[in-house]
Every structure is written in C-alpha cells, then in structure tokens.
Protein backbone atom coordinates (compact mmCIF):
# COMPACT_ATOMS: atom_id res chain seq x y z
CA MET A 1 51.49 -24.26 29.39
CA ALA A 2 50.96 -25.63 25.91
CA SER A 3 54.36 -27.21 25.33
CA ASP A 4 57.82 -27.15 26.88
CA THR A 5 60.96 -29.19 26.52
CA ILE A 6 62.83 -30.08 29.70
CA GLY A 7 65.91 -32.22 29.20
CA GLU A 8 65.09 -35.19 27.01
CA MET A 9 61.47 -35.13 28.07
CA ARG A 10 59.02 -32.75 26.43
CA ILE A 11 56.11 -31.61 28.63
CA ARG A 12 52.84 -30.72 26.98
CA SER A 13 49.14 -30.52 27.68
CA PHE A 14 47.09 -33.65 27.06
CA LEU A 15 44.46 -32.77 24.46
CA LEU A 16 41.20 -34.64 25.02
CA ASP A 17 40.06 -34.16 21.42
CA ILE A 18 43.35 -35.35 19.88
CA ASP A 19 45.29 -37.58 22.28
CA ASP A 20 44.56 -41.23 23.03
CA ILE A 21 42.67 -41.57 26.33
CA GLU A 22 43.23 -45.36 26.24
CA GLU A 23 47.01 -44.81 26.08
CA LEU A 24 46.82 -42.45 29.05
CA THR A 25 44.72 -44.96 31.03
CA ASP A 26 47.18 -47.75 30.21
CA LEU A 27 50.08 -45.56 31.35
CA LEU A 28 48.32 -44.98 34.69
CA HIS A 29 47.73 -48.72 35.18
CA LYS A 30 51.40 -49.45 34.52
CA ALA A 31 52.65 -46.56 36.66
CA TYR A 32 50.45 -47.59 39.59
CA LYS A 33 51.13 -51.34 39.30
CA GLN A 34 53.68 -51.32 42.15
CA LEU A 35 51.02 -49.80 44.39
CA ALA A 36 48.45 -52.35 43.25
CA ASP A 37 50.97 -55.10 43.98
CA MET A 38 51.20 -53.68 47.52
CA GLY A 39 47.45 -54.32 47.78
CA LEU A 40 46.51 -50.62 47.51
CA ARG A 41 43.38 -49.92 45.49
CA TYR A 42 44.11 -46.48 44.03
CA VAL A 43 41.52 -45.50 41.41
CA ALA A 44 44.32 -45.27 38.83
CA THR A 45 45.17 -48.96 39.33
CA HIS A 46 41.93 -50.10 37.73
CA GLN A 47 39.99 -47.18 36.20
CA ASP A 48 38.72 -47.44 32.66
CA SER A 49 39.13 -44.71 30.05
CA THR A 50 35.72 -43.21 30.89
CA VAL A 51 36.92 -42.55 34.44
CA THR A 52 40.25 -41.20 33.18
CA ARG A 53 38.39 -38.79 30.89
CA ARG A 54 36.08 -37.67 33.70
CA ARG A 55 39.02 -37.09 36.07
CA ILE A 56 40.84 -34.80 33.61
CA GLN A 57 37.85 -33.12 31.96
CA ASP A 58 37.85 -29.94 34.08
CA ALA A 59 41.51 -30.12 35.04
CA HIS A 60 44.82 -29.52 33.32
CA CYS A 61 46.46 -32.81 32.41
CA LEU A 62 50.12 -32.74 31.43
CA VAL A 63 52.10 -35.52 29.81
CA GLY A 64 55.81 -36.08 29.46
CA GLU A 65 57.05 -37.46 26.15
CA ILE A 66 60.34 -38.86 24.99
CA SER A 67 60.61 -39.41 21.23
CA ASP A 68 56.83 -38.91 20.86
CA ARG A 69 56.13 -41.65 23.44
CA VAL A 70 54.07 -40.62 26.48
CA ILE A 71 56.00 -41.80 29.54
CA ALA A 72 54.47 -39.78 32.39
CA THR A 73 51.42 -37.78 33.40
CA ILE A 74 50.05 -35.51 36.11
CA THR A 75 46.71 -33.76 36.51
CA TYR A 76 46.39 -30.32 38.10
CA TYR A 77 43.14 -29.00 39.55
CA ARG A 78 42.81 -25.26 40.09
CA PRO A 79 41.49 -24.09 43.47
CA GLY A 80 37.84 -24.96 43.96
CA LEU A 81 37.78 -27.88 41.52
CA LYS A 82 38.49 -30.61 44.08
CA SER A 83 36.36 -30.64 47.21
CA GLY A 84 36.55 -34.20 48.51
CA CYS A 85 38.16 -33.23 51.82
CA THR A 86 38.23 -30.20 54.10
CA TRP A 87 41.77 -29.14 53.14
CA TYR A 88 40.95 -29.00 49.42
CA ARG A 89 38.11 -26.56 50.14
CA HIS A 90 40.40 -23.95 51.71
CA GLU A 91 40.92 -20.83 49.63
CA GLY A 92 44.04 -20.84 47.45
CA ILE A 93 44.64 -24.60 47.52
CA GLY A 94 45.45 -26.23 44.17
CA VAL A 95 45.50 -30.01 43.96
CA PHE A 96 47.27 -32.54 41.77
CA GLY A 97 46.61 -36.22 41.18
CA GLN A 98 46.85 -39.03 38.67
CA PHE A 99 50.60 -38.54 38.84
CA GLY A 100 52.40 -41.47 37.26
CA VAL A 101 55.57 -42.39 35.43
CA LEU A 102 56.09 -45.62 33.48
CA PRO A 103 58.18 -47.97 35.66
CA GLN A 104 61.21 -47.98 33.34
CA PHE A 105 61.42 -44.17 33.64
CA GLN A 106 60.87 -43.92 37.40
CA GLY A 107 63.89 -42.52 39.19
CA THR A 108 65.10 -40.58 36.13
CA GLY A 109 63.76 -37.19 37.21
CA SER A 110 60.84 -37.28 34.76
CA GLY A 111 58.25 -37.15 37.52
CA SER A 112 60.06 -34.31 39.27
CA LYS A 113 60.05 -32.31 36.04
CA LEU A 114 56.28 -32.79 35.69
CA LEU A 115 55.68 -31.86 39.32
CA ASN A 116 57.87 -28.75 38.89
CA ALA A 117 55.65 -27.75 35.95
CA VAL A 118 52.48 -28.18 38.03
CA GLU A 119 53.94 -26.25 40.96
CA GLU A 120 54.69 -23.42 38.52
CA MET A 121 51.14 -23.57 37.11
CA ALA A 122 49.74 -23.37 40.65
CA LEU A 123 51.91 -20.33 41.39
CA GLN A 124 50.70 -18.64 38.20
CA ASP A 125 47.10 -19.37 39.30
CA GLY A 126 47.78 -17.57 42.57
CA CYS A 127 47.67 -20.68 44.73
CA ARG A 128 49.20 -20.32 48.16
CA GLU A 129 49.54 -24.10 48.50
CA LEU A 130 49.52 -27.22 46.34
CA ALA A 131 48.07 -30.41 47.79
CA LEU A 132 47.78 -34.12 47.02
CA ASN A 133 46.57 -37.31 48.62
CA THR A 134 48.25 -40.69 48.77
CA ALA A 135 47.86 -43.94 50.65
CA GLU A 136 49.16 -43.95 54.20
CA PRO A 137 50.93 -47.32 53.66
CA ALA A 138 52.86 -45.95 50.62
CA THR A 139 55.69 -44.63 52.77
CA HIS A 140 58.08 -44.35 49.81
CA LEU A 141 55.74 -41.75 48.32
CA HIS A 142 55.52 -39.82 51.61
CA LYS A 143 59.32 -39.57 51.62
CA TYR A 144 59.40 -38.37 48.02
CA TYR A 145 56.86 -35.62 48.71
CA GLU A 146 58.42 -34.65 52.05
CA HIS A 147 61.76 -34.25 50.27
CA ARG A 148 60.02 -31.80 47.93
CA GLY A 149 58.64 -29.74 50.83
CA TYR A 150 55.19 -31.29 51.28
CA ARG A 151 53.86 -31.93 54.79
CA ILE A 152 50.96 -33.95 56.15
CA VAL A 153 47.95 -31.73 56.87
CA ASP A 154 45.06 -34.20 57.16
CA TYR A 155 43.85 -37.79 56.86
CA VAL A 156 40.88 -39.02 54.82
CA ASP A 157 39.06 -42.32 54.35
CA TRP A 158 37.92 -42.14 50.72
CA GLU A 159 34.95 -44.22 49.66
CA GLY A 160 36.12 -47.23 47.66
CA ALA A 161 39.73 -47.11 48.90
CA ASN A 162 41.09 -49.92 51.04
CA TYR A 163 43.49 -47.64 52.93
CA ARG A 164 43.51 -44.37 54.81
CA SER A 165 44.88 -41.47 52.78
CA ILE A 166 47.14 -38.72 53.91
CA ILE A 167 46.66 -35.23 52.56
CA MET A 168 49.96 -33.50 51.96
CA SER A 169 50.42 -29.84 51.06
CA LYS A 170 53.25 -27.50 50.17
CA LYS A 171 53.43 -23.75 50.64
CA LEU A 172 54.30 -22.14 47.33
C-alpha cells in the first residue's frame, strides 16, 4: 500500500529515506503520553529515533496525514518478523505495534482507519490472524481491541516493561 486517501486522512507508507524519523518519534511520545502518565513504561513513551528506526526497519510503517501533517502511525510486521512471545511464532500470525494517534485526533476514527489498513495488509499477506500486545492495566485499550474482534490469547512479561502485557489476536 503506497498511498490511499480515507476520509480527510490520507494513509501512506512511511519512507525511511525521505520522511523525518524525529517527527515520527515525537508523534509516538505524544500519542503514548496518557499511558506514560498512568505510569506504564511502553517503549514508545521514551524511545529515541534510533530505536524508532530499528523498530520499523524490517516492518511496514504506515502514517496518517491530514493536510500534510502526520497525525497517526502504525507498524505492521509480516509473519515471522516478531518472535518475542510464543503466540507470535505461530504460523500465519502477523503483528502490529507502535500504533499511536496524536491526542487531539484520538476518538476521530483515524486510528481505526489505520488499523483497517493493516488488517487488510495482513489478509493480503495470507495471515490467518493479526496480533498485538498491550499493557494489562490499560483496560481502555483492551476494550477498544475487543470491540474490533481481538481476544486475549496469552500474557507476557517483557524485559524492561513495568507491567504484564496481554497478547491479543484477531482471526482474519
């Protein structure tokens, strides 16, 4: 998916050689601030641009733009690219992460449009499921994903996190 327009927001691939990795990192910090304020140490709350670059290098990072301003992002990993937990290693499991929307655009449907695009990419890749992980205490996120058809399939204690994560997955 090189470029698409959905509603007011245009979805396109983030281009490592052209786009501003610092801008993307700043967007993630802002999007994850509410979670940081809850005391949750997601990597995206504090990562520097080197980490952002490493996390999207072998993945497909999408951004949502309104009037040429990047307001949202999501990163999709094809099956076999993420192996940090047992569920991710199952055949046909795609994974997404670094999913964030600037606070002033949260609740507008922008995130849902990005997630729809990633679910479609996963289907085109032949994935049977699409998975994610999030902090167990972030119950508002569980509800969002459950509403979209995701279910809890596992729990993980990631190194460096100050919370237990839930692994959620959706049959495609």
